[in-house]
Protein backbone atom coordinates (compact mmCIF):
# COMPACT_ATOMS: atom_id res chain seq x y z
CA MET A 1 -54.26 206.50 -4.87
CA GLY A 2 -53.19 205.78 -1.31
CA SER A 3 -56.69 206.14 0.06
CA ILE A 4 -57.94 203.66 -2.51
CA ILE A 5 -55.33 201.10 -1.43
CA LEU A 6 -56.28 201.67 2.21
CA GLN A 7 -59.97 201.26 1.41
CA ILE A 8 -59.37 197.98 -0.46
CA GLY A 9 -57.25 196.74 2.47
CA GLN A 10 -60.02 197.68 4.91
CA TYR A 11 -62.67 195.91 2.76
CA ILE A 12 -60.59 192.73 2.52
CA TYR A 13 -59.95 192.86 6.26
CA ASP A 14 -63.62 193.36 7.08
CA ILE A 15 -64.81 190.61 4.69
CA TYR A 16 -62.40 188.07 6.21
CA TYR A 17 -63.51 189.09 9.72
CA TRP A 18 -67.16 188.48 8.80
CA LEU A 19 -66.30 185.14 7.17
CA MET A 20 -64.62 184.06 10.44
CA LEU A 21 -67.63 185.20 12.42
CA ILE A 22 -70.04 183.32 10.12
CA SER A 23 -67.84 180.22 10.42
CA ILE A 24 -67.93 180.44 14.24
CA LEU A 25 -71.71 180.92 14.29
CA GLY A 26 -72.14 178.20 11.65
CA SER A 27 -70.34 175.71 13.87
CA TRP A 28 -73.44 175.72 16.09
CA PHE A 29 -75.34 174.12 13.22
CA PRO A 30 -73.69 170.90 11.98
CA GLN A 31 -75.52 171.00 8.65
CA PHE A 32 -73.87 174.37 7.86
CA TYR A 33 -70.61 172.76 6.77
CA ALA A 34 -72.53 170.40 4.43
CA THR A 35 -73.63 173.35 2.29
CA LYS A 36 -71.59 174.90 -0.54
CA VAL A 37 -71.35 178.19 1.32
CA GLY A 38 -70.19 176.42 4.49
CA ILE A 39 -67.55 174.47 2.60
CA TRP A 40 -66.35 177.60 0.85
CA ILE A 41 -66.10 179.61 4.08
CA SER A 42 -64.41 176.69 5.83
CA LYS A 43 -61.72 176.49 3.14
CA LEU A 44 -60.98 180.17 3.57
CA VAL A 45 -60.85 180.48 7.36
CA ASP A 46 -59.76 177.04 8.59
CA PRO A 47 -56.09 177.57 7.75
CA TYR A 48 -56.03 180.61 10.01
CA PHE A 49 -58.01 178.80 12.72
CA ALA A 50 -55.64 175.81 12.53
CA ILE A 51 -52.83 177.96 13.84
CA PHE A 52 -54.79 178.60 17.05
CA ARG A 53 -56.11 175.05 17.26
CA ARG A 54 -52.52 173.81 17.58
CA LEU A 55 -51.90 176.23 20.41
CA ILE A 56 -55.23 175.93 22.28
CA PRO A 57 -56.67 172.40 22.42
CA PRO A 58 -60.45 172.01 22.73
CA LEU A 59 -61.94 171.57 26.21
CA GLY A 60 -64.19 168.61 25.72
CA VAL A 61 -66.60 169.48 22.92
CA ILE A 62 -65.98 173.24 23.23
CA ASP A 63 -63.28 174.77 21.01
CA PHE A 64 -62.30 178.26 22.08
CA SER A 65 -59.54 178.62 19.53
CA PRO A 66 -61.69 180.27 16.80
CA ILE A 67 -62.81 182.94 19.24
CA ILE A 68 -59.24 183.61 20.28
CA ALA A 69 -58.29 183.69 16.59
CA LEU A 70 -61.04 186.24 15.90
CA ILE A 71 -59.88 188.47 18.79
CA ALA A 72 -56.29 188.23 17.62
CA TYR A 73 -57.26 189.05 14.05
CA ARG A 74 -59.22 192.11 15.17
CA TYR A 75 -56.34 193.28 17.41
CA LEU A 76 -53.42 192.60 15.07
CA GLY A 77 -55.34 193.59 11.94
CA GLY A 78 -55.90 197.08 13.33
CA PHE A 79 -52.13 197.43 13.79
CA ALA A 80 -51.49 196.15 10.24
CA LEU A 81 -53.93 198.62 8.68
CA GLU A 82 -52.51 201.47 10.74
CA GLY A 83 -48.99 200.47 9.70
CA LEU A 84 -50.07 200.47 6.03
CA ARG A 85 -51.59 203.92 6.48
CA GLN A 86 -48.42 205.28 8.06
CA LEU A 87 -46.24 203.64 5.34
CA MET A 88 -48.39 205.30 2.65
CA ASN A 89 -47.94 208.67 4.42
CA LEU A 90 -44.16 208.22 4.54
CA MET A 91 -44.11 207.39 0.85
CA GLY A 92 -46.22 210.40 0.08
CA VAL A 93 -48.94 208.39 -1.62
């Protein structure tokens, strides 16, 4: 049971990571956000990106905050998944 929960957590984590990466790459193509897929991805990842946009303002037309957000997600997400794994071990699941 515990391994299934960890696998689901890992899948959700990976899917959101790829959605952020697609959003970053899609920003190079202005028409991307006019598509249904672009709008859908934007609605999912922009709230997370907004946290970093408040902290790191764009430098001219270049916005580094999504890349910093992606790095932070990868770094902190690894800790979260490891913490979940250790919690499951402590609970004996």
